[in-house]
C-alpha atoms as a PDB file:
ATOM      1  CA  MET A   1     108.344 134.303  94.284  1.00  0.00           C
ATOM      2  CA  PRO A   2     108.309 130.594  94.611  1.00  0.00           C
ATOM      3  CA  SER A   3     105.865 128.450  96.329  1.00  0.00           C
ATOM      4  CA  PRO A   4     106.795 126.512  99.090  1.00  0.00           C
ATOM      5  CA  PHE A   5     106.497 123.077  96.759  1.00  0.00           C
ATOM      6  CA  GLU A   6     108.640 124.534  94.163  1.00  0.00           C
ATOM      7  CA  ILE A   7     111.497 125.528  96.420  1.00  0.00           C
ATOM      8  CA  ILE A   8     111.168 121.469  97.260  1.00  0.00           C
ATOM      9  CA  ALA A   9     111.273 120.700  93.351  1.00  0.00           C
ATOM     10  CA  ASN A  10     114.368 123.126  93.317  1.00  0.00           C
ATOM     11  CA  GLU A  11     116.350 121.747  96.370  1.00  0.00           C
ATOM     12  CA  THR A  12     115.655 118.296  95.248  1.00  0.00           C
ATOM     13  CA  GLY A  13     116.419 119.151  91.142  1.00  0.00           C
ATOM     14  CA  ILE A  14     112.864 117.445  90.596  1.00  0.00           C
ATOM     15  CA  PRO A  15     110.634 119.345  88.580  1.00  0.00           C
ATOM     16  CA  LEU A  16     107.060 120.139  89.309  1.00  0.00           C
ATOM     17  CA  PRO A  17     104.808 118.800  86.007  1.00  0.00           C
ATOM     18  CA  ASP A  18     102.688 121.468  84.618  1.00  0.00           C
ATOM     19  CA  LEU A  19      99.222 119.369  85.823  1.00  0.00           C
ATOM     20  CA  LEU A  20     100.638 118.901  89.640  1.00  0.00           C
ATOM     21  CA  HIS A  21     101.924 122.866  89.586  1.00  0.00           C
ATOM     22  CA  SER A  22      98.353 124.081  88.842  1.00  0.00           C
ATOM     23  CA  LEU A  23      96.213 121.584  91.095  1.00  0.00           C
ATOM     24  CA  LEU A  24      98.353 123.393  93.509  1.00  0.00           C
ATOM     25  CA  ALA A  25      98.078 126.329  92.405  1.00  0.00           C
ATOM     26  CA  THR A  26      94.570 126.197  92.826  1.00  0.00           C
ATOM     27  CA  GLY A  27      94.877 126.129  96.733  1.00  0.00           C
ATOM     28  CA  ARG A  28      92.535 123.089  96.949  1.00  0.00           C
ATOM     29  CA  THR A  29      95.288 120.501  97.791  1.00  0.00           C
ATOM     30  CA  ASP A  30      95.268 122.381 100.972  1.00  0.00           C
ATOM     31  CA  TYR A  31      92.786 120.928 103.389  1.00  0.00           C
ATOM     32  CA  GLY A  32      92.903 123.506 106.278  1.00  0.00           C
ATOM     33  CA  SER A  33      92.334 123.817 109.808  1.00  0.00           C
ATOM     34  CA  ASP A  34      88.191 123.926 109.547  1.00  0.00           C
ATOM     35  CA  TRP A  35      88.383 120.496 107.093  1.00  0.00           C
ATOM     36  CA  ARG A  36      87.203 118.254 110.073  1.00  0.00           C
ATOM     37  CA  THR A  37      83.753 120.794 110.175  1.00  0.00           C
ATOM     38  CA  THR A  38      83.524 121.409 106.696  1.00  0.00           C
ATOM     39  CA  TRP A  39      84.772 117.962 104.690  1.00  0.00           C
ATOM     40  CA  ARG A  40      81.388 117.002 103.386  1.00  0.00           C
ATOM     41  CA  GLU A  41      80.217 120.511 102.316  1.00  0.00           C
ATOM     42  CA  ARG A  42      83.760 120.910 100.204  1.00  0.00           C
ATOM     43  CA  ILE A  43      83.844 117.733  99.240  1.00  0.00           C
ATOM     44  CA  LEU A  44      79.993 118.312  97.677  1.00  0.00           C
ATOM     45  CA  THR A  45      80.904 122.094  96.033  1.00  0.00           C
ATOM     46  CA  SER A  46      83.974 121.885  95.414  1.00  0.00           C
ATOM     47  CA  PRO A  47      86.265 118.621  95.730  1.00  0.00           C
ATOM     48  CA  PRO A  48      89.697 118.535  96.542  1.00  0.00           C
ATOM     49  CA  PRO A  49      91.901 117.338  93.766  1.00  0.00           C
ATOM     50  CA  LEU A  50      91.685 113.479  93.578  1.00  0.00           C
ATOM     51  CA  MET A  51      89.453 113.496  96.210  1.00  0.00           C
ATOM     52  CA  SER A  52      86.841 111.032  94.728  1.00  0.00           C
ATOM     53  CA  CYS A  53      89.346 108.292  94.797  1.00  0.00           C
ATOM     54  CA  TYR A  54      90.206 105.751  96.843  1.00  0.00           C
ATOM     55  CA  ASP A  55      92.990 106.061  99.886  1.00  0.00           C
ATOM     56  CA  PHE A  56      94.474 109.234  98.694  1.00  0.00           C
ATOM     57  CA  GLU A  57      95.697 112.067 100.895  1.00  0.00           C
ATOM     58  CA  TRP A  58      97.663 115.388  99.524  1.00  0.00           C
ATOM     59  CA  LEU A  59     100.630 116.410 101.189  1.00  0.00           C
ATOM     60  CA  ASP A  60     101.380 119.736 102.030  1.00  0.00           C
ATOM     61  CA  ALA A  61     104.707 121.444 101.451  1.00  0.00           C
ATOM     62  CA  ALA A  62     105.697 120.933 105.398  1.00  0.00           C
ATOM     63  CA  SER A  63     104.322 117.777 105.610  1.00  0.00           C
ATOM     64  CA  SER A  64     106.811 116.307 101.895  1.00  0.00           C
ATOM     65  CA  ARG A  65     109.880 118.821 103.759  1.00  0.00           C
ATOM     66  CA  ARG A  66     109.318 116.587 106.764  1.00  0.00           C
ATOM     67  CA  VAL A  67     109.299 113.364 104.739  1.00  0.00           C
ATOM     68  CA  ILE A  68     112.139 113.673 102.581  1.00  0.00           C
ATOM     69  CA  SER A  69     114.480 115.197 105.591  1.00  0.00           C
ATOM     70  CA  ASP A  70     113.673 112.594 108.169  1.00  0.00           C
ATOM     71  CA  TRP A  71     113.258 109.349 105.806  1.00  0.00           C
ATOM     72  CA  LEU A  72     113.406 110.322 101.948  1.00  0.00           C
ATOM     73  CA  ASN A  73     116.719 112.455 101.984  1.00  0.00           C
ATOM     74  CA  PRO A  74     119.020 110.747  99.292  1.00  0.00           C
ATOM     75  CA  GLN A  75     121.764 110.445 102.342  1.00  0.00           C
ATOM     76  CA  PHE A  76     119.526 107.608 103.959  1.00  0.00           C
ATOM     77  CA  GLN A  77     118.102 106.300 100.332  1.00  0.00           C
ATOM     78  CA  ASP A  78     121.365 105.839  98.353  1.00  0.00           C
ATOM     79  CA  GLY A  79     121.431 108.644  96.513  1.00  0.00           C
ATOM     80  CA  ARG A  80     117.870 108.357  95.031  1.00  0.00           C
ATOM     81  CA  SER A  81     115.883 111.824  95.032  1.00  0.00           C
ATOM     82  CA  PHE A  82     111.910 112.005  96.125  1.00  0.00           C
ATOM     83  CA  LEU A  83     109.604 114.712  96.242  1.00  0.00           C
ATOM     84  CA  PRO A  84     106.266 113.595  98.503  1.00  0.00           C
ATOM     85  CA  PHE A  85     103.052 114.830  97.232  1.00  0.00           C
ATOM     86  CA  GLY A  86     100.775 112.389  98.547  1.00  0.00           C
ATOM     87  CA  ARG A  87     100.095 109.379 100.988  1.00  0.00           C
ATOM     88  CA  ASN A  88      97.885 106.712 101.610  1.00  0.00           C
ATOM     89  CA  GLY A  89      96.129 105.201 104.870  1.00  0.00           C
ATOM     90  CA  ALA A  90      98.698 102.975 105.611  1.00  0.00           C
ATOM     91  CA  GLY A  91     101.620 105.276 105.779  1.00  0.00           C
ATOM     92  CA  ASP A  92     103.158 104.278 101.999  1.00  0.00           C
ATOM     93  CA  VAL A  93     103.797 107.776 100.285  1.00  0.00           C
ATOM     94  CA  PHE A  94     103.214 108.760  96.129  1.00  0.00           C
ATOM     95  CA  CYS A  95     106.712 111.357  95.640  1.00  0.00           C
ATOM     96  CA  LEU A  96     107.551 112.243  91.847  1.00  0.00           C
ATOM     97  CA  MET A  97     110.906 110.450  91.198  1.00  0.00           C
ATOM     98  CA  PRO A  98     113.362 110.536  88.374  1.00  0.00           C
ATOM     99  CA  THR A  99     112.995 107.739  86.012  1.00  0.00           C
ATOM    100  CA  ASP A 100     116.124 108.706  83.782  1.00  0.00           C
ATOM    101  CA  GLY A 101     117.664 111.834  82.852  1.00  0.00           C
ATOM    102  CA  GLN A 102     114.620 113.359  81.536  1.00  0.00           C
ATOM    103  CA  SER A 103     111.331 112.020  82.559  1.00  0.00           C
ATOM    104  CA  ILE A 104     109.728 112.232  85.767  1.00  0.00           C
ATOM    105  CA  GLY A 105     107.604 109.217  87.411  1.00  0.00           C
ATOM    106  CA  VAL A 106     105.079 108.790  89.735  1.00  0.00           C
ATOM    107  CA  ALA A 107     106.847 106.437  92.673  1.00  0.00           C
ATOM    108  CA  HIS A 108     104.611 104.472  95.214  1.00  0.00           C
ATOM    109  CA  VAL A 109     106.777 104.263  98.212  1.00  0.00           C
ATOM    110  CA  PHE A 110     105.822 101.320 100.484  1.00  0.00           C
ATOM    111  CA  HIS A 111     106.768 102.120 104.154  1.00  0.00           C
ATOM    112  CA  ASP A 112     106.968  98.802 105.932  1.00  0.00           C
ATOM    113  CA  CYS A 113     108.518  96.728 102.537  1.00  0.00           C
ATOM    114  CA  ASP A 114     112.448  95.986 100.967  1.00  0.00           C
ATOM    115  CA  ASP A 115     111.056  97.002  97.916  1.00  0.00           C
ATOM    116  CA  SER A 116     109.308 100.130  96.588  1.00  0.00           C
ATOM    117  CA  GLU A 117     108.266 100.835  93.075  1.00  0.00           C
ATOM    118  CA  ILE A 118     107.638 103.646  90.216  1.00  0.00           C
ATOM    119  CA  GLY A 119     104.163 102.733  89.256  1.00  0.00           C
ATOM    120  CA  TYR A 120     103.544 105.621  86.718  1.00  0.00           C
ATOM    121  CA  ARG A 121     105.521 107.039  83.507  1.00  0.00           C
ATOM    122  CA  SER A 122     104.306 110.395  84.526  1.00  0.00           C
ATOM    123  CA  PHE A 123     102.052 112.174  86.989  1.00  0.00           C
ATOM    124  CA  VAL A 124      99.828 112.386  84.563  1.00  0.00           C
ATOM    125  CA  ASP A 125      99.627 108.453  84.077  1.00  0.00           C
ATOM    126  CA  PHE A 126      98.543 108.600  87.693  1.00  0.00           C
ATOM    127  CA  VAL A 127      95.868 110.904  87.831  1.00  0.00           C
ATOM    128  CA  CYS A 128      94.370 108.553  84.559  1.00  0.00           C
ATOM    129  CA  THR A 129      94.933 105.896  86.815  1.00  0.00           C
ATOM    130  CA  ARG A 130      93.485 106.938  89.561  1.00  0.00           C
ATOM    131  CA  PHE A 131      90.374 108.247  87.867  1.00  0.00           C
ATOM    132  CA  LEU A 132      89.905 104.805  86.266  1.00  0.00           C
ATOM    133  CA  GLU A 133      90.166 102.626  89.710  1.00  0.00           C
ATOM    134  CA  THR A 134      87.688 105.297  90.827  1.00  0.00           C
ATOM    135  CA  PHE A 135      85.119 104.634  87.225  1.00  0.00           C
ATOM    136  CA  ALA A 136      85.326 100.640  88.164  1.00  0.00           C
ATOM    137  CA  ASP A 137      84.789 101.248  91.880  1.00  0.00           C
ATOM    138  CA  MET A 138      83.165 104.262  93.797  1.00  0.00           C
ATOM    139  CA  SER A 139      81.563 101.937  96.632  1.00  0.00           C
ATOM    140  CA  HIS A 140      84.284 103.930  98.877  1.00  0.00           C
ATOM    141  CA  LEU A 141      82.530 106.777  99.013  1.00  0.00           C
ATOM    142  CA  LEU A 142      79.324 105.215  99.558  1.00  0.00           C
ATOM    143  CA  ASP A 143      80.637 105.069 103.591  1.00  0.00           C
ATOM    144  CA  ASP A 144      79.514 108.706 103.723  1.00  0.00           C
ATOM    145  CA  PHE A 145      77.262 109.953 100.946  1.00  0.00           C
ATOM    146  CA  SER A 146      73.978 108.190  98.540  1.00  0.00           C
ATOM    147  CA  GLU A 147      75.114 106.963  95.346  1.00  0.00           C
ATOM    148  CA  GLN A 148      73.878 110.375  93.234  1.00  0.00           C
ATOM    149  CA  GLU A 149      76.035 112.256  95.627  1.00  0.00           C
ATOM    150  CA  ALA A 150      78.889 109.907  94.671  1.00  0.00           C
ATOM    151  CA  LEU A 151      78.590 109.838  91.217  1.00  0.00           C
ATOM    152  CA  GLU A 152      78.311 113.766  91.460  1.00  0.00           C
ATOM    153  CA  ILE A 153      81.720 114.297  93.497  1.00  0.00           C
ATOM    154  CA  VAL A 154      83.391 112.015  90.920  1.00  0.00           C
ATOM    155  CA  LYS A 155      82.441 113.846  87.860  1.00  0.00           C
ATOM    156  CA  ALA A 156      82.884 117.361  89.182  1.00  0.00           C
ATOM    157  CA  ASP A 157      86.396 115.529  90.302  1.00  0.00           C
ATOM    158  CA  VAL A 158      86.982 114.696  86.924  1.00  0.00           C
ATOM    159  CA  VAL A 159      85.862 118.043  85.636  1.00  0.00           C
ATOM    160  CA  HIS A 160      88.198 120.718  88.183  1.00  0.00           C
ATOM    161  CA  VAL A 161      91.159 118.249  87.535  1.00  0.00           C
ATOM    162  CA  SER A 162      90.820 117.772  83.818  1.00  0.00           C
ATOM    163  CA  GLU A 163      90.662 120.942  83.106  1.00  0.00           C
ATOM    164  CA  PHE A 164      94.575 121.294  83.478  1.00  0.00           C
ATOM    165  CA  LEU A 165      94.686 118.165  81.065  1.00  0.00           C
ATOM    166  CA  ASP A 166      95.851 118.140  77.372  1.00  0.00           C
ATOM    167  CA  PRO A 167      91.857 118.572  75.305  1.00  0.00           C
ATOM    168  CA  ARG A 168      92.306 114.979  74.340  1.00  0.00           C
ATOM    169  CA  VAL A 169      93.042 113.700  77.543  1.00  0.00           C
ATOM    170  CA  ARG A 170      90.507 115.535  79.213  1.00  0.00           C
ATOM    171  CA  GLU A 171      87.547 114.445  76.702  1.00  0.00           C
ATOM    172  CA  TYR A 172      88.464 110.864  77.301  1.00  0.00           C
ATOM    173  CA  LEU A 173      88.613 110.775  80.913  1.00  0.00           C
ATOM    174  CA  GLN A 174      84.845 112.866  80.869  1.00  0.00           C
ATOM    175  CA  SER A 175      83.345 110.475  78.700  1.00  0.00           C
ATOM    176  CA  PHE A 176      83.279 107.929  80.808  1.00  0.00           C
ATOM    177  CA  CYS A 177      81.264 110.489  83.298  1.00  0.00           C
ATOM    178  CA  HIS A 178      78.610 110.056  81.241  1.00  0.00           C
ATOM    179  CA  LEU A 179      78.510 106.232  81.263  1.00  0.00           C
ATOM    180  CA  PRO A 180      75.028 105.462  83.327  1.00  0.00           C
ATOM    181  CA  PRO A 181      76.457 103.677  87.019  1.00  0.00           C
ATOM    182  CA  ALA A 182      75.718 100.399  87.868  1.00  0.00           C
ATOM    183  CA  HIS A 183      75.972  97.671  90.313  1.00  0.00           C
ATOM    184  CA  ARG A 184      78.474  94.822  88.822  1.00  0.00           C
ATOM    185  CA  GLU A 185      80.747  92.180  90.321  1.00  0.00           C
ATOM    186  CA  TYR A 186      84.340  93.243  90.842  1.00  0.00           C
ATOM    187  CA  ARG A 187      87.166  91.496  92.813  1.00  0.00           C
ATOM    188  CA  ASP A 188      90.209  92.899  94.616  1.00  0.00           C
ATOM    189  CA  GLY A 189      92.176  90.424  93.967  1.00  0.00           C
ATOM    190  CA  PRO A 190      92.519  87.006  91.666  1.00  0.00           C
ATOM    191  CA  ARG A 191      91.445  84.658  94.532  1.00  0.00           C
ATOM    192  CA  ALA A 192      89.055  87.023  96.134  1.00  0.00           C
ATOM    193  CA  CYS A 193      85.825  86.414  96.761  1.00  0.00           C
ATOM    194  CA  PRO A 194      83.378  88.683  94.384  1.00  0.00           C
ATOM    195  CA  ARG A 195      81.560  91.672  95.843  1.00  0.00           C
ATOM    196  CA  VAL A 196      78.767  94.210  94.226  1.00  0.00           C
ATOM    197  CA  ALA A 197      80.580  97.267  93.520  1.00  0.00           C
ATOM    198  CA  PHE A 198      79.040 100.790  92.547  1.00  0.00           C
ATOM    199  CA  SER A 199      80.858 101.621  89.033  1.00  0.00           C
ATOM    200  CA  LEU A 200      81.116 103.550  85.613  1.00  0.00           C
ATOM    201  CA  ILE A 201      82.984 100.789  83.861  1.00  0.00           C
ATOM    202  CA  ALA A 202      83.301  96.932  84.287  1.00  0.00           C
ATOM    203  CA  GLN A 203      86.250  95.244  85.749  1.00  0.00           C
ATOM    204  CA  ASP A 204      87.079  93.928  82.684  1.00  0.00           C
ATOM    205  CA  GLN A 205      87.181  97.372  80.912  1.00  0.00           C
ATOM    206  CA  LEU A 206      89.018  98.651  83.766  1.00  0.00           C
ATOM    207  CA  SER A 207      91.842  96.051  82.599  1.00  0.00           C
ATOM    208  CA  VAL A 208      91.497  96.948  79.552  1.00  0.00           C
ATOM    209  CA  GLU A 209      91.821 100.689  80.001  1.00  0.00           C
ATOM    210  CA  LEU A 210      94.799 100.135  82.205  1.00  0.00           C
ATOM    211  CA  LEU A 211      96.924  98.738  79.629  1.00  0.00           C
ATOM    212  CA  LYS A 212      96.986 102.797  77.993  1.00  0.00           C
ATOM    213  CA  PHE A 213      98.947 103.196  80.957  1.00  0.00           C
ATOM    214  CA  PRO A 214     101.432 101.458  81.825  1.00  0.00           C
ATOM    215  CA  ALA A 215     104.015 101.150  84.360  1.00  0.00           C
ATOM    216  CA  PRO A 216     108.048 102.567  83.521  1.00  0.00           C
ATOM    217  CA  LEU A 217     110.445  99.509  83.065  1.00  0.00           C
ATOM    218  CA  VAL A 218     112.219  99.951  86.218  1.00  0.00           C
ATOM    219  CA  ASP A 219     113.166  97.605  88.096  1.00  0.00           C
ATOM    220  CA  PRO A 220     111.513  97.724  91.868  1.00  0.00           C
ATOM    221  CA  PHE A 221     114.475  99.494  94.331  1.00  0.00           C
ATOM    222  CA  PRO A 222     115.025  99.157  98.505  1.00  0.00           C
ATOM    223  CA  VAL A 223     114.216 101.670 100.521  1.00  0.00           C
ATOM    224  CA  VAL A 224     115.411 101.748 104.042  1.00  0.00           C
ATOM    225  CA  ALA A 225     112.625 102.021 106.403  1.00  0.00           C
ATOM    226  CA  ARG A 226     111.629 104.918 108.434  1.00  0.00           C
ATOM    227  CA  TRP A 227     112.496 103.498 111.585  1.00  0.00           C
ATOM    228  CA  ASP A 228     115.978 102.177 110.709  1.00  0.00           C
ATOM    229  CA  VAL A 229     116.461 105.882 109.169  1.00  0.00           C
ATOM    230  CA  PRO A 230     119.303 107.387 111.469  1.00  0.00           C
ATOM    231  CA  SER A 231     117.764 110.839 112.256  1.00  0.00           C
ATOM    232  CA  TYR A 232     114.361 108.873 113.167  1.00  0.00           C
ATOM    233  CA  ALA A 233     116.440 106.463 115.510  1.00  0.00           C
ATOM    234  CA  SER A 234     118.515 109.292 117.276  1.00  0.00           C
ATOM    235  CA  ARG A 235     115.215 110.286 118.509  1.00  0.00           C
ATOM    236  CA  ARG A 236     113.604 106.838 119.026  1.00  0.00           C
ATOM    237  CA  PRO A 237     113.795 106.640 123.487  1.00  0.00           C
ATOM    238  CA  ALA A 238     116.823 103.837 123.799  1.00  0.00           C
ATOM    239  CA  PRO A 239     114.928 100.169 124.158  1.00  0.00           C
ATOM    240  CA  GLU A 240     113.845  99.233 128.020  1.00  0.00           C
ATOM    241  CA  SER A 241     116.356  97.241 129.544  1.00  0.00           C
ATOM    242  CA  ILE A 242     115.026  94.633 131.462  1.00  0.00           C
ATOM    243  CA  PRO A 243     116.861  93.428 134.816  1.00  0.00           C
ATOM    244  CA  ASP A 244     118.471  90.022 134.843  1.00  0.00           C
ATOM    245  CA  TRP A 245     115.783  88.354 137.564  1.00  0.00           C
ATOM    246  CA  ARG A 246     118.641  85.050 138.160  1.00  0.00           C
ATOM    247  CA  ILE A 247     120.442  87.748 139.606  1.00  0.00           C
ATOM    248  CA  ASP A 248     117.452  89.909 141.804  1.00  0.00           C
ATOM    249  CA  ALA A 249     115.981  86.281 142.801  1.00  0.00           C
ATOM    250  CA  LEU A 250     118.806  85.510 144.527  1.00  0.00           C
ATOM    251  CA  LYS A 251     119.708  89.230 146.143  1.00  0.00           C
ATOM    252  CA  SER A 252     118.512  90.025 149.209  1.00  0.00           C
ATOM    253  CA  GLY A 253     115.512  92.686 149.493  1.00  0.00           C
ATOM    254  CA  LYS A 254     114.988  92.240 145.273  1.00  0.00           C
ATOM    255  CA  LYS A 255     112.588  89.492 145.232  1.00  0.00           C
ATOM    256  CA  PHE A 256     109.574  91.521 144.135  1.00  0.00           C
ATOM    257  CA  SER A 257     112.294  93.210 141.290  1.00  0.00           C
ATOM    258  CA  ALA A 258     112.805  89.646 140.453  1.00  0.00           C
ATOM    259  CA  ILE A 259     109.194  88.802 140.111  1.00  0.00           C
ATOM    260  CA  LYS A 260     108.519  91.523 137.744  1.00  0.00           C
ATOM    261  CA  SER A 261     111.274  90.880 135.351  1.00  0.00           C
ATOM    262  CA  TYR A 262     110.361  87.612 135.042  1.00  0.00           C
ATOM    263  CA  GLN A 263     106.286  88.881 133.965  1.00  0.00           C
ATOM    264  CA  LYS A 264     107.423  90.877 131.796  1.00  0.00           C
ATOM    265  CA  GLU A 265     110.489  88.846 130.081  1.00  0.00           C
ATOM    266  CA  TYR A 266     108.124  85.672 129.830  1.00  0.00           C
ATOM    267  CA  GLY A 267     104.489  87.659 129.413  1.00  0.00           C
ATOM    268  CA  VAL A 268     102.893  85.375 132.281  1.00  0.00           C
ATOM    269  CA  SER A 269     100.676  86.372 134.975  1.00  0.00           C
ATOM    270  CA  LEU A 270     102.137  87.617 138.776  1.00  0.00           C
ATOM    271  CA  SER A 271     101.424  84.013 140.423  1.00  0.00           C
ATOM    272  CA  GLU A 272     103.387  82.858 137.403  1.00  0.00           C
ATOM    273  CA  ALA A 273     105.991  84.508 137.350  1.00  0.00           C
ATOM    274  CA  LYS A 274     106.254  83.944 141.298  1.00  0.00           C
ATOM    275  CA  ASN A 275     105.826  80.414 141.078  1.00  0.00           C
ATOM    276  CA  ALA A 276     108.924  80.534 138.956  1.00  0.00           C
ATOM    277  CA  ILE A 277     110.677  82.858 141.036  1.00  0.00           C
ATOM    278  CA  ASP A 278     110.608  80.400 144.263  1.00  0.00           C
ATOM    279  CA  ASP A 279     110.904  77.398 142.369  1.00  0.00           C
ATOM    280  CA  TYR A 280     114.642  79.462 140.767  1.00  0.00           C
ATOM    281  CA  ILE A 281     115.793  80.488 144.595  1.00  0.00           C
ATOM    282  CA  HIS A 282     115.229  76.925 146.043  1.00  0.00           C
ATOM    283  CA  THR A 283     116.707  75.315 143.365  1.00  0.00           C
ATOM    284  CA  HIS A 284     119.677  77.737 143.866  1.00  0.00           C
ATOM    285  CA  SER A 285     120.078  78.427 147.031  1.00  0.00           C
ATOM    286  CA  SER A 286     120.357  74.631 147.612  1.00  0.00           C
ATOM    287  CA  ASP A 287     123.454  74.317 145.206  1.00  0.00           C
ATOM    288  CA  THR A 288     125.065  77.590 146.602  1.00  0.00           C
ATOM    289  CA  SER A 289     124.780  75.961 150.217  1.00  0.00           C
ATOM    290  CA  GLN A 290     126.615  72.738 148.838  1.00  0.00           C
ATOM    291  CA  GLU A 291     128.899  75.164 146.873  1.00  0.00           C
ATOM    292  CA  THR A 292     130.056  76.853 150.147  1.00  0.00           C
ATOM    293  CA  ARG A 293     130.069  73.331 152.242  1.00  0.00           C
ATOM    294  CA  LEU A 294     132.225  71.894 149.690  1.00  0.00           C
ATOM    295  CA  LYS A 295     134.859  74.730 149.791  1.00  0.00           C
END
């Protein structure tokens, strides 16, 4: 019987790569209902795959299906197909995505940008890149763990995941785990101030290693924002209409409604709104009286 993700793969026409299939089959990508009370122990003893990597969280099959149906459905995305398997804290998702007739890459689909990109030629490249980035900066783990614990988490994560990799790739990744950790200068961007990172490799070495996993030559592609997809738009409440304070101000018994409408429209205090409405009533009541006399 096919697994839930295999069913989604069949529906999207995007086959699961062997490595992803193997990781899902371990059951460790499913955090479970007790994660909030067991997360620390589980990370220290048997971490979910890629748990040592910064800002990555697995999606379960039900969440992946919702992302597809409500956002990344081909009918909403100009025929492009996606199979989401992970996300970050910002709401972006990582998806399998065909790069051509035969290859399946990994796309980083941004929830709030006009364009997204296929950043990895394969799921294996995605995993290797995320581990390399972790080797260069393990500081995010120090919020909850000691340096020694962080080091052990990274090593255990690499061992568990690389079990399913080609022996050459396995040896490559595990070789970094034998390096002594150190505190090294790290920059989060070309213009960022340097900070000290707990790491196994220097940032310069990271740049060299990443050259082994170049992104595919695929142009960035547009993605319709989640909130612009019809299925989402139909569930959003209709915009609240603000009564026209100009009309209410001149109606008997509607002055307070006009004040509240003015306050909401311009973001002013209640007293400021009251003064503005009083001025409007005074000015336009005079105009109305004058027009009546002229008639």
